Amino acid sequence: MNIDALEKLIRQQMRKRNTPGLALSVIKDDKVLLAKGYGARDLKHYLPMTPDTLIGIGSVTKSLTAFAVLVLEERGLLSIEDSVSDYLSVDLFVARPEIKIKHMLSHSSGIPTMDAGNNCFHYAFDDFSRVYPAESREDFFAHLNDAADFILYKPGEHFFYNNDCYTCLTYMIEDITGQSFEAFMQEAILKPLNMTRAVMTQNGLDGDPDNNVMTGYLPDIKEGKTQLKASAIPIGGKVRAAGGLYASVNEMMHYAQCLLNRGEYGGAQLLAPQTFDKLFAPQIYTPYGRGDNPQYCLGWCRSGKTKQIPYESITHGGGMLTSSAHFVLVPELNLGIAVAENSSTGICPLVTDAVIATVMGDTPEEVIEDLKIAAAIEAIQGVYKSPHDMYEFRVYRKNGVLQVDADIDDGFESFTLVAEDIEKLRFCRYSLRAINRNKIEFLRDRQTGKVEYVAYDRYLYCKQ
């Protein structure tokens, strides 16, 4: 495993994206391959990021919530086949007893998101442009009940990623156990996994015994560059079950070991194998995965084999704007990866892909689609001129989209480029037509490999 090349790639990507700090931990065959921090957990105070820094893992928390629900099932306190209406006397569920707990866990309830619990994100960042009455439990369910006017699908028919359903699970778990959600998670999940520093409250972060906690940086894109601002962080409230855990990547590897060992950790079976298998059982198609038919399970996304990763993978990502994370299991390789950053620069999934490529002995730049796309975009951007400088063809990025401004004899045109074949640098002009014959092809110099020309319509333009 070429760790030096992997770390060089991480540093390059952090510089490109303006990522303040990143933490990475990797295990294979129950052994730690790499555990390291890069950059800063606090820029102003020159504090380095470490693999023990507490970082918000966002929606990766959903997988732990699902694990907790299955613990309750093993204790005989519920079944994931139970109707939600058996536990929550809320009009939305009482009128639809066919909505089961497993549908809530797999975003397959048919309920479109109402963002009833997302106000904590806006308020944490002093954004009060969306203020709605959903603070109390009663207000939350009243807000959620309004989704009744938008329910068009039966449970199991359509994937609607829904944080509100996980907030409902928070209330359900508290009602069943008589404990706060945080207390139950500590007792049933975090303590048995020896994740003793992981927390869900601001008081928990403030009281960290190691005083090793991230500072969150809110990203702002200006003129194509990510600018960062130290910010308050979203924590507690209704975000807890959906995305509220702050943990270190090193402690997340305890969780990875448990999952790769089918529910066993430290000699204790936290879930019986037959119960554990329900976590990764496919429930509904999700657009968030890879392969021909990615499936959302219970708090997890299950992706099939691809050209880039010829193994089935179990994944979940999470984003809190001031932090983000990505967690990946590749059972066939007995591989677990946790990566997190104290901003939201989009680097985490790329790093997990790079780790997998490195473990397989591949060169990340040669096999990772996102890196190949980035290289292609960098190669083709610029200004091209037709013979005698008669006409200009300019390629640039605007709002994350490839744009072209072109002169031809019919006048000036501006349009969006759509990739057709990245490796061959073939594109087409955006069109609503099913068949798009308006092609654009960029041509490399055979000796230098650099892009020198672009062919469009009847013209050949040379790069300046």
Protein backbone atom coordinates (compact mmCIF):
# COMPACT_ATOMS: atom_id res chain seq x y z
CA MET A 1 0.00 0.00 0.00
CA ASN A 2 1.60 3.26 -1.16
CA ILE A 3 0.74 5.48 1.81
CA ASP A 4 3.14 8.24 0.73
CA ALA A 5 1.34 8.68 -2.61
CA LEU A 6 -2.04 8.56 -0.87
CA GLU A 7 -1.05 11.26 1.60
CA LYS A 8 0.38 13.42 -1.19
CA LEU A 9 -2.97 13.20 -2.98
CA ILE A 10 -4.82 14.14 0.22
CA ARG A 11 -2.64 17.21 0.71
CA GLN A 12 -3.06 18.24 -2.95
CA GLN A 13 -6.85 17.97 -2.71
CA MET A 14 -6.96 19.86 0.58
CA ARG A 15 -5.04 22.73 -0.99
CA LYS A 16 -7.29 22.77 -4.06
CA ARG A 17 -10.48 22.76 -2.00
CA ASN A 18 -9.29 24.98 0.85
CA THR A 19 -10.03 22.23 3.37
CA PRO A 20 -9.00 23.36 6.88
CA GLY A 21 -8.55 19.95 8.49
CA LEU A 22 -9.12 16.28 7.78
CA ALA A 23 -8.92 13.13 9.86
CA LEU A 24 -8.59 9.62 8.44
CA SER A 25 -8.55 6.15 9.95
CA VAL A 26 -8.34 2.84 8.07
CA ILE A 27 -8.52 -0.75 9.27
CA LYS A 28 -8.03 -3.96 7.35
CA ASP A 29 -8.25 -7.45 8.79
CA ASP A 30 -8.77 -5.86 12.24
CA LYS A 31 -5.44 -4.01 12.00
CA VAL A 32 -4.96 -0.26 11.70
CA LEU A 33 -3.39 0.60 8.34
CA LEU A 34 -3.45 4.36 8.78
CA ALA A 35 -4.67 6.80 11.43
CA LYS A 36 -3.71 10.41 10.90
CA GLY A 37 -4.83 14.00 10.93
CA TYR A 38 -4.04 16.59 8.26
CA GLY A 39 -4.27 20.35 8.54
CA ALA A 40 -5.89 22.12 11.48
CA ARG A 41 -8.78 21.45 13.81
CA ASP A 42 -8.55 25.15 14.74
CA LEU A 43 -6.89 27.53 12.27
CA LYS A 44 -6.71 30.63 14.46
CA HIS A 45 -5.08 28.83 17.37
CA TYR A 46 -2.78 26.66 15.22
CA LEU A 47 -4.17 23.40 16.63
CA PRO A 48 -3.51 20.37 14.41
CA MET A 49 -6.20 17.94 13.36
CA THR A 50 -5.68 14.44 14.76
CA PRO A 51 -7.49 11.11 14.32
CA ASP A 52 -8.74 11.61 17.89
CA THR A 53 -10.36 15.00 17.19
CA LEU A 54 -14.12 15.02 17.75
CA ILE A 55 -15.81 15.94 14.45
CA GLY A 56 -19.49 16.03 13.47
CA ILE A 57 -20.17 12.92 11.38
CA GLY A 58 -23.59 14.11 10.23
CA SER A 59 -25.87 11.52 8.68
CA VAL A 60 -23.45 8.67 9.35
CA THR A 61 -25.26 8.86 12.71
CA LYS A 62 -28.30 7.30 11.02
CA SER A 63 -26.52 3.95 10.87
CA LEU A 64 -25.97 4.02 14.64
CA THR A 65 -29.63 4.92 15.16
CA ALA A 66 -30.61 1.92 13.06
CA PHE A 67 -28.26 -0.24 15.12
CA ALA A 68 -29.98 1.05 18.28
CA VAL A 69 -33.44 0.21 16.92
CA LEU A 70 -32.30 -3.37 16.28
CA VAL A 71 -30.96 -3.56 19.84
CA LEU A 72 -34.48 -2.68 21.01
CA GLU A 73 -35.87 -5.36 18.71
CA GLU A 74 -33.55 -7.95 20.28
CA ARG A 75 -34.74 -6.84 23.70
CA GLY A 76 -38.31 -7.53 22.59
CA LEU A 77 -39.41 -3.90 22.87
CA LEU A 78 -40.34 -3.46 19.21
CA SER A 79 -40.15 -5.01 15.76
CA ILE A 80 -39.10 -3.16 12.64
CA GLU A 81 -42.21 -4.70 11.06
CA ASP A 82 -44.40 -2.84 13.57
CA SER A 83 -46.57 0.05 12.44
CA VAL A 84 -45.22 3.44 13.49
CA SER A 85 -48.74 4.26 14.66
CA ASP A 86 -48.29 1.65 17.44
CA TYR A 87 -45.76 3.99 19.05
CA LEU A 88 -46.58 7.51 17.88
CA SER A 89 -50.17 8.76 18.11
CA VAL A 90 -49.68 11.25 15.31
CA ASP A 91 -52.36 11.85 12.69
CA LEU A 92 -49.95 11.25 9.80
CA PHE A 93 -49.17 7.73 11.03
CA VAL A 94 -52.53 6.83 12.56
CA ALA A 95 -54.14 7.42 9.15
CA ARG A 96 -51.43 5.29 7.51
CA PRO A 97 -50.82 2.21 9.67
CA GLU A 98 -49.02 0.60 6.72
CA ILE A 99 -45.99 2.79 7.45
CA LYS A 100 -43.62 0.56 9.41
CA ILE A 101 -40.49 1.27 11.42
CA LYS A 102 -38.36 -0.27 8.67
CA HIS A 103 -39.77 2.27 6.22
CA MET A 104 -38.67 5.11 8.49
CA LEU A 105 -35.17 3.64 8.73
CA SER A 106 -34.85 3.18 4.96
CA HIS A 107 -36.41 6.46 3.73
CA SER A 108 -39.12 4.42 2.01
CA SER A 109 -42.17 5.63 3.97
CA GLY A 110 -43.45 7.66 1.03
CA ILE A 111 -43.33 10.82 3.15
CA PRO A 112 -41.49 13.67 1.41
CA THR A 113 -39.24 15.68 3.68
CA MET A 114 -40.81 18.65 5.42
CA ASP A 115 -37.55 19.71 7.13
CA ALA A 116 -39.44 19.94 10.39
CA GLY A 117 -36.24 19.35 12.35
CA ASN A 118 -33.76 21.21 10.16
CA ASN A 119 -34.30 24.64 11.67
CA CYS A 120 -31.35 24.00 14.00
CA PHE A 121 -29.06 24.18 10.96
CA HIS A 122 -30.35 27.58 9.92
CA TYR A 123 -30.42 29.02 13.41
CA ALA A 124 -26.89 27.81 14.26
CA PHE A 125 -25.58 29.87 11.36
CA ASP A 126 -27.69 32.96 12.23
CA ASP A 127 -29.87 32.31 9.19
CA PHE A 128 -33.42 33.24 10.12
CA SER A 129 -34.79 33.40 6.58
CA ARG A 130 -36.78 30.19 7.24
CA VAL A 131 -38.54 30.45 10.56
CA TYR A 132 -41.41 28.06 11.27
CA PRO A 133 -43.10 26.73 14.41
CA ALA A 134 -41.49 23.34 15.04
CA GLU A 135 -39.60 23.71 18.32
CA SER A 136 -41.70 21.65 20.73
CA ARG A 137 -42.62 18.03 20.15
CA GLU A 138 -46.21 19.10 19.52
CA ASP A 139 -45.13 21.74 17.01
CA PHE A 140 -42.80 19.30 15.27
CA PHE A 141 -45.58 16.77 14.65
CA ALA A 142 -48.04 19.48 13.62
CA HIS A 143 -45.54 20.68 11.02
CA LEU A 144 -44.90 17.09 9.90
CA ASN A 145 -48.64 16.35 9.62
CA ASP A 146 -48.84 18.85 6.78
CA ALA A 147 -46.94 16.32 4.67
CA ALA A 148 -50.27 14.50 4.30
CA ASP A 149 -51.12 16.75 1.37
CA PHE A 150 -47.98 15.59 -0.46
CA ILE A 151 -48.02 11.83 0.05
CA LEU A 152 -48.42 10.23 -3.37
CA TYR A 153 -46.63 6.92 -2.83
CA LYS A 154 -47.26 3.87 -0.71
CA PRO A 155 -44.54 2.68 1.68
CA GLY A 156 -41.77 0.92 -0.24
CA GLU A 157 -42.60 2.58 -3.58
CA HIS A 158 -40.40 5.67 -3.58
CA PHE A 159 -37.17 6.86 -1.95
CA PHE A 160 -37.49 10.18 -0.13
CA TYR A 161 -34.44 10.90 2.03
CA ASN A 162 -36.10 12.13 5.19
CA ASN A 163 -34.36 13.43 8.33
CA ASP A 164 -37.76 14.01 9.92
CA CYS A 165 -38.43 10.28 10.06
CA TYR A 166 -35.25 9.83 12.09
CA THR A 167 -36.36 12.58 14.45
CA CYS A 168 -39.56 10.56 14.88
CA LEU A 169 -37.38 7.59 15.83
CA THR A 170 -35.73 9.79 18.48
CA TYR A 171 -39.08 10.33 20.17
CA MET A 172 -40.01 6.68 19.74
CA ILE A 173 -36.80 5.45 21.38
CA GLU A 174 -37.21 7.89 24.27
CA ASP A 175 -40.82 6.80 24.83
CA ILE A 176 -39.93 3.09 24.77
CA THR A 177 -36.83 3.26 26.97
CA GLY A 178 -37.80 6.08 29.32
CA GLN A 179 -34.33 7.52 28.71
CA SER A 180 -33.10 10.47 26.73
CA PHE A 181 -31.92 9.52 23.26
CA GLU A 182 -28.34 10.44 24.21
CA ALA A 183 -28.41 8.33 27.38
CA PHE A 184 -29.76 5.27 25.55
CA MET A 185 -27.16 5.60 22.78
CA GLN A 186 -24.38 5.86 25.36
CA GLU A 187 -25.62 2.82 27.28
CA ALA A 188 -26.57 0.54 24.37
CA ILE A 189 -24.13 1.50 21.60
CA LEU A 190 -21.30 3.90 22.38
CA LYS A 191 -20.09 2.45 25.69
CA PRO A 192 -20.07 -1.18 24.42
CA LEU A 193 -18.10 0.02 21.36
CA ASN A 194 -15.62 1.85 23.62
CA MET A 195 -16.58 5.11 21.92
CA THR A 196 -16.33 6.87 25.28
CA ARG A 197 -15.66 10.38 23.95
CA ALA A 198 -18.42 10.47 21.31
CA VAL A 199 -21.14 13.00 22.21
CA MET A 200 -24.36 14.58 20.95
CA THR A 201 -24.55 17.78 22.99
CA GLN A 202 -22.63 21.04 23.25
CA ASN A 203 -21.98 20.30 26.93
CA GLY A 204 -20.48 17.00 25.88
CA LEU A 205 -18.11 18.73 23.47
CA ASP A 206 -17.19 21.39 26.02
CA GLY A 207 -16.42 18.69 28.58
CA ASP A 208 -14.23 16.53 26.34
CA PRO A 209 -11.51 15.12 28.64
CA ASP A 210 -8.85 15.48 25.95
CA ASN A 211 -9.94 18.98 24.88
CA ASN A 212 -9.54 17.78 21.29
CA VAL A 213 -12.57 19.16 19.49
CA MET A 214 -12.95 20.60 16.01
CA THR A 215 -13.71 24.21 15.24
CA GLY A 216 -16.31 24.26 12.48
CA TYR A 217 -15.74 26.35 9.36
CA LEU A 218 -18.67 27.41 7.24
CA PRO A 219 -17.73 27.40 3.54
CA ASP A 220 -18.66 30.18 1.15
CA ILE A 221 -17.90 30.00 -2.57
CA LYS A 222 -16.72 33.31 -3.98
CA GLU A 223 -15.29 33.63 -7.48
CA GLY A 224 -14.80 29.87 -7.65
CA LYS A 225 -12.80 29.73 -4.40
CA THR A 226 -13.96 28.32 -1.09
CA GLN A 227 -13.65 30.89 1.68
CA LEU A 228 -14.01 29.78 5.28
CA LYS A 229 -15.52 31.37 8.36
CA ALA A 230 -15.34 29.98 11.88
CA SER A 231 -18.88 29.27 12.97
CA ALA A 232 -21.16 27.91 15.62
CA ILE A 233 -22.08 24.29 14.93
CA PRO A 234 -25.45 22.52 14.70
CA ILE A 235 -25.69 20.09 17.61
CA GLY A 236 -28.46 18.64 19.76
CA GLY A 237 -32.12 19.46 19.23
CA LYS A 238 -33.92 17.47 16.58
CA VAL A 239 -30.79 16.60 14.64
CA ARG A 240 -29.62 13.96 17.13
CA ALA A 241 -30.76 10.67 15.55
CA ALA A 242 -30.51 11.97 12.01
CA GLY A 243 -27.03 13.42 12.20
CA GLY A 244 -26.01 14.61 15.65
CA LEU A 245 -23.02 12.51 16.70
CA TYR A 246 -19.57 14.07 17.17
CA ALA A 247 -16.89 11.37 17.23
CA SER A 248 -13.26 10.73 16.35
CA VAL A 249 -12.33 8.63 13.33
CA ASN A 250 -10.26 6.40 15.61
CA GLU A 251 -13.29 5.55 17.73
CA MET A 252 -15.33 5.10 14.55
CA MET A 253 -12.96 2.24 13.72
CA HIS A 254 -14.29 0.38 16.78
CA TYR A 255 -17.69 0.62 15.12
CA ALA A 256 -16.20 -0.55 11.82
CA GLN A 257 -14.69 -3.60 13.53
CA CYS A 258 -18.07 -4.47 15.00
CA LEU A 259 -19.79 -4.17 11.63
CA LEU A 260 -17.15 -6.16 9.75
CA ASN A 261 -17.45 -8.86 12.44
CA ARG A 262 -21.25 -9.06 12.12
CA GLY A 263 -22.13 -7.44 15.43
CA GLU A 264 -19.24 -8.65 17.58
CA TYR A 265 -16.83 -6.28 19.29
CA GLY A 266 -14.29 -6.88 22.04
CA GLY A 267 -15.52 -10.41 22.62
CA ALA A 268 -19.16 -9.32 23.09
CA GLN A 269 -21.97 -9.87 20.60
CA LEU A 270 -23.77 -6.51 20.46
CA LEU A 271 -26.30 -7.90 17.96
CA ALA A 272 -27.00 -11.52 17.13
CA PRO A 273 -25.85 -12.29 13.55
CA GLN A 274 -29.40 -12.90 12.29
CA THR A 275 -30.50 -9.53 13.68
CA PHE A 276 -27.35 -7.79 12.49
CA ASP A 277 -27.93 -8.98 8.92
CA LYS A 278 -31.09 -6.85 8.79
CA LEU A 279 -28.91 -3.72 8.82
CA PHE A 280 -27.54 -4.41 5.36
CA ALA A 281 -30.67 -5.99 3.87
CA PRO A 282 -31.74 -3.97 0.77
CA GLN A 283 -35.04 -2.11 1.18
CA ILE A 284 -35.38 0.32 -1.74
CA TYR A 285 -33.49 1.71 -4.72
CA THR A 286 -31.53 4.86 -3.92
CA PRO A 287 -29.91 7.33 -6.34
CA TYR A 288 -27.12 7.96 -3.83
CA GLY A 289 -25.22 4.73 -4.44
CA ARG A 290 -23.14 3.23 -7.22
CA GLY A 291 -23.49 0.28 -9.52
CA ASP A 292 -26.51 -0.81 -11.52
CA ASN A 293 -28.95 -1.08 -8.61
CA PRO A 294 -27.80 0.67 -5.41
CA GLN A 295 -30.05 0.00 -2.44
CA TYR A 296 -30.77 1.81 0.79
CA CYS A 297 -30.88 -0.57 3.73
CA LEU A 298 -31.44 0.37 7.40
CA GLY A 299 -29.31 3.48 7.83
CA TRP A 300 -26.90 2.32 5.12
CA CYS A 301 -26.42 2.55 1.37
CA ARG A 302 -25.37 -0.66 -0.37
CA SER A 303 -23.60 -0.31 -3.71
CA GLY A 304 -22.84 -3.00 -6.26
CA LYS A 305 -19.61 -3.64 -8.09
CA THR A 306 -18.33 -0.99 -10.47
CA LYS A 307 -15.37 -0.61 -12.79
CA GLN A 308 -13.75 1.65 -10.21
CA ILE A 309 -14.51 -0.58 -7.20
CA PRO A 310 -15.04 -4.23 -8.21
CA TYR A 311 -16.46 -5.10 -4.80
CA GLU A 312 -19.75 -4.51 -3.06
CA SER A 313 -19.50 -1.63 -0.59
CA ILE A 314 -21.57 -0.42 2.36
CA THR A 315 -21.45 3.34 2.81
CA HIS A 316 -22.94 6.45 4.34
CA GLY A 317 -21.96 10.08 4.18
CA GLY A 318 -22.91 13.02 6.30
CA GLY A 319 -22.73 16.78 6.12
CA MET A 320 -23.38 19.50 8.70
CA LEU A 321 -21.92 22.40 6.63
CA THR A 322 -19.38 23.01 9.41
CA SER A 323 -18.26 19.38 9.16
CA SER A 324 -18.73 16.36 6.95
CA ALA A 325 -17.79 12.71 6.98
CA HIS A 326 -17.78 9.53 4.95
CA PHE A 327 -17.81 5.98 6.28
CA VAL A 328 -17.16 2.96 4.08
CA LEU A 329 -17.06 -0.79 4.56
CA VAL A 330 -15.81 -3.21 1.91
CA PRO A 331 -16.63 -6.58 3.50
CA GLU A 332 -14.83 -8.68 0.85
CA LEU A 333 -11.61 -6.83 1.64
CA ASN A 334 -12.38 -6.74 5.39
CA LEU A 335 -11.75 -3.01 5.04
CA GLY A 336 -13.19 -0.10 7.01
CA ILE A 337 -12.58 3.60 6.38
CA ALA A 338 -13.66 6.71 8.29
CA VAL A 339 -12.80 10.19 7.08
CA ALA A 340 -14.06 13.54 8.34
CA GLU A 341 -13.35 17.25 7.85
CA ASN A 342 -14.23 20.36 9.85
CA SER A 343 -15.91 22.07 6.92
CA SER A 344 -17.86 20.96 3.88
CA THR A 345 -15.46 21.06 0.93
CA GLY A 346 -16.53 17.73 -0.57
CA ILE A 347 -13.22 15.97 0.01
CA CYS A 348 -14.36 13.03 2.17
CA PRO A 349 -15.84 10.67 -0.49
CA LEU A 350 -12.82 11.29 -2.69
CA VAL A 351 -10.45 10.28 0.12
CA THR A 352 -12.32 7.02 0.79
CA ASP A 353 -12.17 6.22 -2.94
CA ALA A 354 -8.43 6.96 -2.92
CA VAL A 355 -7.90 4.67 0.07
CA ILE A 356 -9.76 1.81 -1.63
CA ALA A 357 -7.79 2.30 -4.86
CA THR A 358 -4.52 2.33 -2.91
CA VAL A 359 -5.43 -0.83 -0.98
CA MET A 360 -6.19 -2.55 -4.31
CA GLY A 361 -2.80 -1.47 -5.69
CA ASP A 362 -4.25 1.02 -8.17
CA THR A 363 -3.16 4.59 -8.83
CA PRO A 364 -6.07 6.77 -7.67
CA GLU A 365 -5.64 9.33 -10.46
CA GLU A 366 -6.03 6.56 -13.05
CA VAL A 367 -9.15 4.88 -11.70
CA ILE A 368 -11.21 7.39 -9.67
CA GLU A 369 -13.87 8.95 -11.87
CA ASP A 370 -14.01 12.23 -9.93
CA LEU A 371 -10.27 12.73 -10.30
CA LYS A 372 -10.42 11.96 -14.01
CA ILE A 373 -13.28 14.42 -14.44
CA ALA A 374 -11.38 17.10 -12.51
CA ALA A 375 -8.27 16.52 -14.63
CA ALA A 376 -10.31 16.71 -17.84
CA ILE A 377 -11.98 19.97 -16.78
CA GLU A 378 -8.63 21.49 -15.87
CA ALA A 379 -7.18 20.38 -19.20
CA ILE A 380 -9.91 21.81 -21.44
CA GLN A 381 -10.59 25.15 -19.73
CA GLY A 382 -9.23 28.18 -21.48
CA VAL A 383 -9.48 30.28 -24.63
CA TYR A 384 -9.24 28.84 -28.15
CA LYS A 385 -8.99 30.75 -31.45
CA SER A 386 -9.92 29.75 -34.98
CA PRO A 387 -7.41 30.30 -37.87
CA HIS A 388 -6.35 33.95 -38.26
CA ASP A 389 -7.95 34.62 -34.83
CA MET A 390 -11.29 35.15 -36.55
CA TYR A 391 -13.42 33.48 -33.89
CA GLU A 392 -13.04 32.65 -30.20
CA PHE A 393 -14.15 29.60 -28.20
CA ARG A 394 -13.92 30.03 -24.41
CA VAL A 395 -14.44 27.19 -21.88
CA TYR A 396 -14.92 28.01 -18.19
CA ARG A 397 -16.74 26.92 -15.04
CA LYS A 398 -19.71 28.86 -13.75
CA ASN A 399 -21.69 27.78 -10.69
CA GLY A 400 -20.11 24.33 -10.91
CA VAL A 401 -21.12 23.85 -14.56
CA LEU A 402 -18.91 23.83 -17.67
CA GLN A 403 -19.88 26.73 -19.87
CA VAL A 404 -18.88 27.77 -23.41
CA ASP A 405 -18.91 31.17 -25.08
CA ALA A 406 -18.37 30.69 -28.81
CA ASP A 407 -18.06 32.87 -31.89
CA ILE A 408 -19.10 31.40 -35.21
CA ASP A 409 -20.11 33.01 -38.48
CA ASP A 410 -23.77 32.91 -37.39
CA GLY A 411 -22.97 35.06 -34.35
CA PHE A 412 -22.28 34.58 -30.64
CA GLU A 413 -23.46 31.52 -28.69
CA SER A 414 -23.34 30.60 -25.02
CA PHE A 415 -24.21 27.10 -23.83
CA THR A 416 -23.55 24.40 -21.24
CA LEU A 417 -21.28 21.45 -21.92
CA VAL A 418 -22.47 17.93 -21.09
CA ALA A 419 -19.92 15.10 -20.84
CA GLU A 420 -20.31 12.21 -23.26
CA ASP A 421 -16.93 10.48 -22.86
CA ILE A 422 -14.58 12.02 -20.30
CA GLU A 423 -11.58 9.88 -21.18
CA LYS A 424 -11.83 10.80 -24.85
CA LEU A 425 -12.76 14.42 -24.01
CA ARG A 426 -15.98 14.25 -25.98
CA PHE A 427 -18.83 16.51 -25.00
CA CYS A 428 -22.12 17.69 -26.38
CA ARG A 429 -24.11 20.87 -26.15
CA TYR A 430 -26.91 20.75 -23.58
CA SER A 431 -30.25 19.98 -25.19
CA LEU A 432 -33.66 18.66 -24.16
CA ARG A 433 -33.69 16.44 -27.22
CA ALA A 434 -33.26 12.72 -26.64
CA ILE A 435 -30.67 12.51 -29.41
CA ASN A 436 -28.04 15.22 -29.23
CA ARG A 437 -25.88 15.47 -32.35
CA ASN A 438 -24.23 18.78 -31.51
CA LYS A 439 -20.80 17.43 -30.52
CA ILE A 440 -17.67 19.11 -29.16
CA GLU A 441 -14.37 17.22 -29.10
CA PHE A 442 -11.13 18.35 -27.49
CA LEU A 443 -7.89 17.07 -29.01
CA ARG A 444 -4.58 16.41 -27.29
CA ASP A 445 -1.13 16.85 -28.77
CA ARG A 446 0.15 13.32 -29.41
CA GLN A 447 3.58 14.06 -27.95
CA THR A 448 2.88 16.33 -24.98
CA GLY A 449 -0.57 14.98 -24.10
CA LYS A 450 -1.81 18.53 -23.55
CA VAL A 451 -5.12 19.71 -24.97
CA GLU A 452 -4.33 21.91 -27.98
CA TYR A 453 -7.50 22.03 -30.08
CA VAL A 454 -11.28 21.88 -29.92
CA ALA A 455 -13.52 20.89 -32.81
CA TYR A 456 -17.01 22.41 -32.86
CA ASP A 457 -19.47 22.74 -35.71
CA ARG A 458 -17.37 23.46 -38.82
CA TYR A 459 -14.49 25.03 -36.91
CA LEU A 460 -11.24 23.90 -35.36
CA TYR A 461 -9.99 26.25 -32.63
CA CYS A 462 -6.42 26.28 -31.25
CA LYS A 463 -5.77 26.80 -27.53
CA GLN A 464 -4.05 30.07 -26.68
